[in-house]
N, C-alpha and C. Protein backbone atom coordinates (compact mmCIF):
# COMPACT_ATOMS: atom_id res chain seq x y z
N MET A 1 65.51 124.77 109.46
CA MET A 1 63.94 125.26 109.61
C MET A 1 63.46 123.76 108.88
N VAL A 2 62.21 123.62 109.15
CA VAL A 2 61.12 122.83 108.63
C VAL A 2 60.71 122.50 107.16
N HIS A 3 61.20 121.79 106.50
CA HIS A 3 60.46 122.20 105.05
C HIS A 3 58.99 122.16 105.07
N GLU A 4 58.46 122.66 103.95
CA GLU A 4 57.00 122.82 103.74
C GLU A 4 56.71 121.65 103.97
N SER A 5 55.21 121.63 104.29
CA SER A 5 54.60 120.41 104.87
C SER A 5 52.73 120.59 104.43
N ASN A 6 52.42 119.44 103.69
CA ASN A 6 51.12 119.61 103.49
C ASN A 6 50.13 119.06 104.38
N GLY A 7 50.37 118.67 105.57
CA GLY A 7 49.74 117.78 106.56
C GLY A 7 50.22 117.76 107.92
N SER A 8 49.74 117.16 109.06
CA SER A 8 50.31 117.42 110.28
C SER A 8 52.06 116.65 110.25
N TYR A 9 52.83 117.01 111.07
CA TYR A 9 53.86 116.21 111.43
C TYR A 9 54.11 116.52 112.86
N TYR A 10 55.48 116.12 113.22
CA TYR A 10 55.80 116.33 114.81
C TYR A 10 56.69 116.92 114.91
N ALA A 11 56.85 117.76 116.53
CA ALA A 11 58.17 118.25 116.54
C ALA A 11 58.44 117.80 118.11
N VAL A 12 59.84 117.52 118.14
CA VAL A 12 60.46 117.37 118.88
C VAL A 12 60.93 118.58 120.04
N ILE A 13 60.81 118.68 120.93
CA ILE A 13 61.22 119.77 121.84
C ILE A 13 62.12 119.26 122.74
N PHE A 14 63.25 119.83 122.63
CA PHE A 14 64.61 119.21 123.68
C PHE A 14 65.07 120.59 124.34
N SER A 15 64.40 120.77 125.46
CA SER A 15 64.96 121.92 126.22
C SER A 15 66.02 121.47 127.23
N SER A 16 67.33 122.65 127.34
CA SER A 16 68.32 121.95 128.24
C SER A 16 69.04 123.13 129.01
N GLN A 17 69.60 122.52 130.12
CA GLN A 17 70.68 123.25 130.50
C GLN A 17 71.96 122.86 130.59
N ARG A 18 73.01 123.33 130.11
CA ARG A 18 74.11 123.00 129.10
C ARG A 18 75.17 123.04 130.75
N THR A 19 76.22 121.93 130.76
CA THR A 19 77.43 122.22 131.98
C THR A 19 78.14 123.06 131.71
N GLU A 20 79.02 123.82 132.15
CA GLU A 20 80.28 124.69 132.08
C GLU A 20 81.48 123.85 130.86
N GLY A 21 81.18 124.73 130.01
CA GLY A 21 82.86 124.21 129.29
C GLY A 21 82.01 123.45 128.12
N ASP A 22 83.16 123.25 126.81
CA ASP A 22 82.42 122.79 125.36
C ASP A 22 82.60 120.92 125.82
N ASN A 23 83.78 120.57 126.34
CA ASN A 23 84.18 119.32 126.59
C ASN A 23 83.49 118.50 125.44
N GLY A 24 83.73 118.80 124.10
CA GLY A 24 83.77 118.18 122.59
C GLY A 24 82.12 118.47 122.32
N TYR A 25 81.19 119.17 122.99
CA TYR A 25 79.91 119.15 122.69
C TYR A 25 79.57 119.49 121.34
N ASN A 26 80.18 120.68 120.91
CA ASN A 26 79.91 121.32 119.48
C ASN A 26 80.13 120.50 118.40
N ILE A 27 81.19 119.49 118.62
CA ILE A 27 81.44 119.10 117.39
C ILE A 27 80.55 117.86 117.55
N MET A 28 80.21 117.14 118.24
CA MET A 28 79.11 116.10 118.69
C MET A 28 77.89 116.83 118.23
N ALA A 29 77.41 118.03 118.40
CA ALA A 29 76.20 118.47 117.70
C ALA A 29 76.03 118.73 116.25
N GLU A 30 77.17 119.08 116.02
CA GLU A 30 77.14 119.04 114.26
C GLU A 30 77.18 117.62 113.51
N LYS A 31 77.84 116.49 114.69
CA LYS A 31 77.64 115.75 113.73
C LYS A 31 76.19 114.67 114.12
N MET A 32 75.66 115.08 114.94
CA MET A 32 74.43 114.54 115.18
C MET A 32 73.32 115.40 113.96
N GLU A 33 73.51 116.79 114.10
CA GLU A 33 72.32 117.48 112.84
C GLU A 33 72.66 116.94 111.92
N LEU A 34 74.28 116.42 111.13
CA LEU A 34 73.98 116.06 109.95
C LEU A 34 73.46 114.55 109.74
N LEU A 35 73.74 113.69 111.00
CA LEU A 35 73.07 112.42 110.62
C LEU A 35 71.77 112.34 110.79
N ALA A 36 71.33 113.30 111.48
CA ALA A 36 69.70 113.48 111.70
C ALA A 36 69.13 113.55 110.42
N ALA A 37 69.72 114.43 109.54
CA ALA A 37 69.43 114.66 108.27
C ALA A 37 69.50 113.42 107.52
N GLU A 38 69.79 112.64 107.57
CA GLU A 38 69.69 111.39 106.57
C GLU A 38 69.03 110.59 107.15
N GLN A 39 68.48 110.64 108.12
CA GLN A 39 67.44 109.33 108.53
C GLN A 39 66.19 109.92 107.98
N PRO A 40 65.50 108.71 107.35
CA PRO A 40 64.03 108.63 107.13
C PRO A 40 63.24 109.63 107.79
N GLY A 41 62.34 110.52 107.41
CA GLY A 41 61.15 111.05 108.18
C GLY A 41 61.75 112.37 108.71
N PHE A 42 63.21 112.86 108.73
CA PHE A 42 63.73 113.94 109.22
C PHE A 42 63.33 115.03 108.35
N LEU A 43 62.32 116.19 108.88
CA LEU A 43 62.33 117.55 108.30
C LEU A 43 62.60 118.91 108.28
N GLY A 44 63.69 119.00 109.46
CA GLY A 44 64.66 120.17 109.73
C GLY A 44 65.03 119.91 111.24
N VAL A 45 65.30 121.00 111.53
CA VAL A 45 65.83 121.59 112.80
C VAL A 45 65.86 122.92 112.94
N GLU A 46 66.03 123.21 114.06
CA GLU A 46 65.65 124.97 114.34
C GLU A 46 66.24 125.02 116.11
N GLY A 47 67.48 125.45 116.42
CA GLY A 47 67.67 126.18 118.00
C GLY A 47 68.17 127.26 118.62
N VAL A 48 68.07 127.57 119.98
CA VAL A 48 68.90 128.58 120.07
C VAL A 48 69.20 128.39 121.72
N ARG A 49 70.28 128.99 122.07
CA ARG A 49 70.60 128.77 123.50
C ARG A 49 71.46 130.24 124.01
N ASP A 50 71.33 130.62 124.99
CA ASP A 50 71.70 131.55 125.56
C ASP A 50 72.97 131.62 126.36
N ALA A 51 73.20 132.62 126.76
CA ALA A 51 75.00 132.86 127.53
C ALA A 51 74.78 132.12 128.73
N SER A 52 73.72 131.74 129.50
CA SER A 52 73.90 131.12 130.81
C SER A 52 73.93 129.43 130.43
N GLY A 53 73.89 128.81 128.98
CA GLY A 53 73.61 127.58 128.73
C GLY A 53 72.36 126.88 128.54
N ALA A 54 71.12 127.66 128.50
CA ALA A 54 70.04 127.27 128.63
C ALA A 54 69.73 127.27 126.91
N GLY A 55 68.96 126.30 126.69
CA GLY A 55 68.58 126.15 124.81
C GLY A 55 67.51 125.47 124.92
N ILE A 56 66.86 125.28 123.73
CA ILE A 56 65.87 124.81 123.26
C ILE A 56 66.38 124.50 121.68
N THR A 57 66.23 123.07 121.22
CA THR A 57 66.61 122.65 119.94
C THR A 57 64.99 121.91 119.61
N VAL A 58 64.50 122.37 118.65
CA VAL A 58 63.18 121.56 117.92
C VAL A 58 63.62 120.68 116.26
N SER A 59 63.44 119.41 116.62
CA SER A 59 63.62 118.78 115.55
C SER A 59 62.28 118.40 115.16
N TYR A 60 61.93 118.12 113.43
CA TYR A 60 60.77 118.04 112.83
C TYR A 60 60.83 116.43 112.08
N TRP A 61 59.80 115.84 112.41
CA TRP A 61 59.68 114.61 111.67
C TRP A 61 58.53 114.47 111.10
N ASP A 62 58.13 113.38 110.08
CA ASP A 62 56.99 113.16 109.38
C ASP A 62 56.15 112.09 110.32
N SER A 63 56.88 111.47 111.14
CA SER A 63 56.07 110.45 112.00
C SER A 63 56.57 109.87 113.06
N LEU A 64 55.67 109.67 114.19
CA LEU A 64 56.20 109.12 115.57
C LEU A 64 57.35 107.56 115.08
N GLU A 65 57.08 106.93 114.29
CA GLU A 65 57.79 105.86 113.88
C GLU A 65 59.39 106.57 113.80
N ALA A 66 59.32 107.66 113.00
CA ALA A 66 60.46 108.35 112.76
C ALA A 66 61.49 108.67 113.82
N ILE A 67 60.75 109.47 114.63
CA ILE A 67 61.20 109.98 115.79
C ILE A 67 61.64 108.73 116.50
N SER A 68 60.94 107.57 116.68
CA SER A 68 61.37 106.71 117.63
C SER A 68 62.82 105.67 117.33
N ASN A 69 63.12 105.93 115.76
CA ASN A 69 64.23 105.02 114.87
C ASN A 69 65.18 106.02 115.45
N TRP A 70 65.16 107.29 115.45
CA TRP A 70 66.08 108.26 115.48
C TRP A 70 66.55 107.96 116.97
N LYS A 71 65.63 107.76 117.91
CA LYS A 71 66.36 107.71 119.16
C LYS A 71 66.86 106.43 119.26
N GLN A 72 66.82 105.57 118.63
CA GLN A 72 67.42 104.10 119.08
C GLN A 72 68.61 104.14 118.18
N ASN A 73 68.93 105.25 117.36
CA ASN A 73 69.81 104.95 116.46
C ASN A 73 71.53 104.86 117.38
N GLN A 74 72.02 104.03 117.23
CA GLN A 74 73.06 103.65 117.70
C GLN A 74 74.00 104.97 117.69
N PHE A 75 74.33 105.92 116.68
CA PHE A 75 75.08 107.03 116.97
C PHE A 75 74.69 107.94 117.91
N HIS A 76 73.28 108.11 117.71
CA HIS A 76 72.77 108.92 118.54
C HIS A 76 72.51 108.48 120.16
N LYS A 77 72.62 107.48 120.07
CA LYS A 77 72.63 106.62 121.47
C LYS A 77 73.99 107.17 122.25
N VAL A 78 75.01 106.88 121.96
CA VAL A 78 76.28 107.49 122.36
C VAL A 78 76.58 108.85 122.30
N ALA A 79 75.70 109.83 122.25
CA ALA A 79 75.54 111.14 122.26
C ALA A 79 74.72 111.34 123.61
N GLN A 80 73.34 110.48 123.25
CA GLN A 80 72.41 110.45 124.67
C GLN A 80 73.51 110.61 125.56
N GLU A 81 74.06 109.33 125.61
CA GLU A 81 74.51 108.96 126.95
C GLU A 81 76.29 109.94 127.49
N LYS A 82 76.57 110.40 126.59
CA LYS A 82 77.71 111.57 126.94
C LYS A 82 76.97 112.88 127.26
N GLY A 83 75.65 113.01 126.81
CA GLY A 83 75.15 114.04 127.25
C GLY A 83 74.55 114.07 128.86
N LYS A 84 74.11 112.97 129.03
CA LYS A 84 73.63 112.46 130.71
C LYS A 84 74.87 112.84 131.61
N GLN A 85 76.27 112.34 130.82
CA GLN A 85 77.29 112.62 131.53
C GLN A 85 78.09 113.26 131.61
N VAL A 86 78.13 114.13 130.72
CA VAL A 86 78.89 115.29 130.68
C VAL A 86 78.32 116.69 130.14
N TRP A 87 77.25 116.92 129.41
CA TRP A 87 76.67 117.98 128.62
C TRP A 87 75.87 118.48 129.01
N TYR A 88 75.10 117.81 130.08
CA TYR A 88 73.83 118.39 130.42
C TYR A 88 73.84 118.41 132.07
N ARG A 89 72.87 119.75 132.42
CA ARG A 89 73.07 119.68 133.93
C ARG A 89 71.28 119.05 134.11
N ASN A 90 70.58 119.43 133.20
CA ASN A 90 69.09 118.69 132.80
C ASN A 90 68.61 119.01 131.67
N TYR A 91 67.39 118.16 130.98
CA TYR A 91 66.99 118.49 130.15
C TYR A 91 65.41 118.12 130.20
N LYS A 92 64.80 118.15 129.37
CA LYS A 92 63.19 117.91 129.04
C LYS A 92 63.11 117.59 127.57
N ILE A 93 62.65 116.47 127.14
CA ILE A 93 62.05 116.42 126.11
C ILE A 93 60.44 116.10 125.68
N LYS A 94 59.52 116.87 125.01
CA LYS A 94 58.41 117.15 124.52
C LYS A 94 58.37 116.53 123.20
N ILE A 95 57.17 115.62 122.63
CA ILE A 95 56.89 115.51 121.51
C ILE A 95 55.28 115.89 121.21
N CYS A 96 55.32 116.59 120.01
CA CYS A 96 53.98 117.34 119.94
C CYS A 96 53.85 116.85 118.62
N LYS A 97 52.18 117.22 118.10
CA LYS A 97 52.16 116.75 116.86
C LYS A 97 51.56 118.52 116.29
N VAL A 98 52.01 118.77 115.25
CA VAL A 98 51.74 120.32 114.48
C VAL A 98 50.68 120.00 113.67
N GLU A 99 49.75 120.34 113.98
CA GLU A 99 48.64 120.34 113.00
C GLU A 99 48.28 121.83 112.17
N ARG A 100 48.85 122.80 112.41
CA ARG A 100 48.68 123.32 111.55
C ARG A 100 50.20 124.85 111.51
N GLU A 101 50.80 125.06 110.52
CA GLU A 101 52.06 126.29 110.64
C GLU A 101 51.49 127.46 109.46
N TYR A 102 51.80 128.59 110.28
CA TYR A 102 51.79 129.44 109.24
C TYR A 102 52.96 130.89 109.78
N SER A 103 53.13 131.47 108.59
CA SER A 103 54.56 132.54 109.07
C SER A 103 54.15 133.80 108.38
N PHE A 104 54.68 134.88 108.42
CA PHE A 104 54.74 136.42 108.10
C PHE A 104 56.01 136.83 107.78
């Protein structure tokens, strides 16, 4: 979940459709979440996936620069390529600026 923020921040929305089978996906996903948490500007992550393999993961960042740096991380790039080759049928990424948040 995203940490409290006093101003605007960014959300990277990764929606995807997985291929059949794990093929090492869960281990890599755990590694990427731990690695992302160590990156400057990372604020949090949350995600869901249904039984059909459709999922949405949202990561939160304090700047566009932090998002760009994460995209270029060498270990993340390895995971990205494996995702294209093995783990995903398709995916879409949206980067959004969060102006306000509230909860109940």
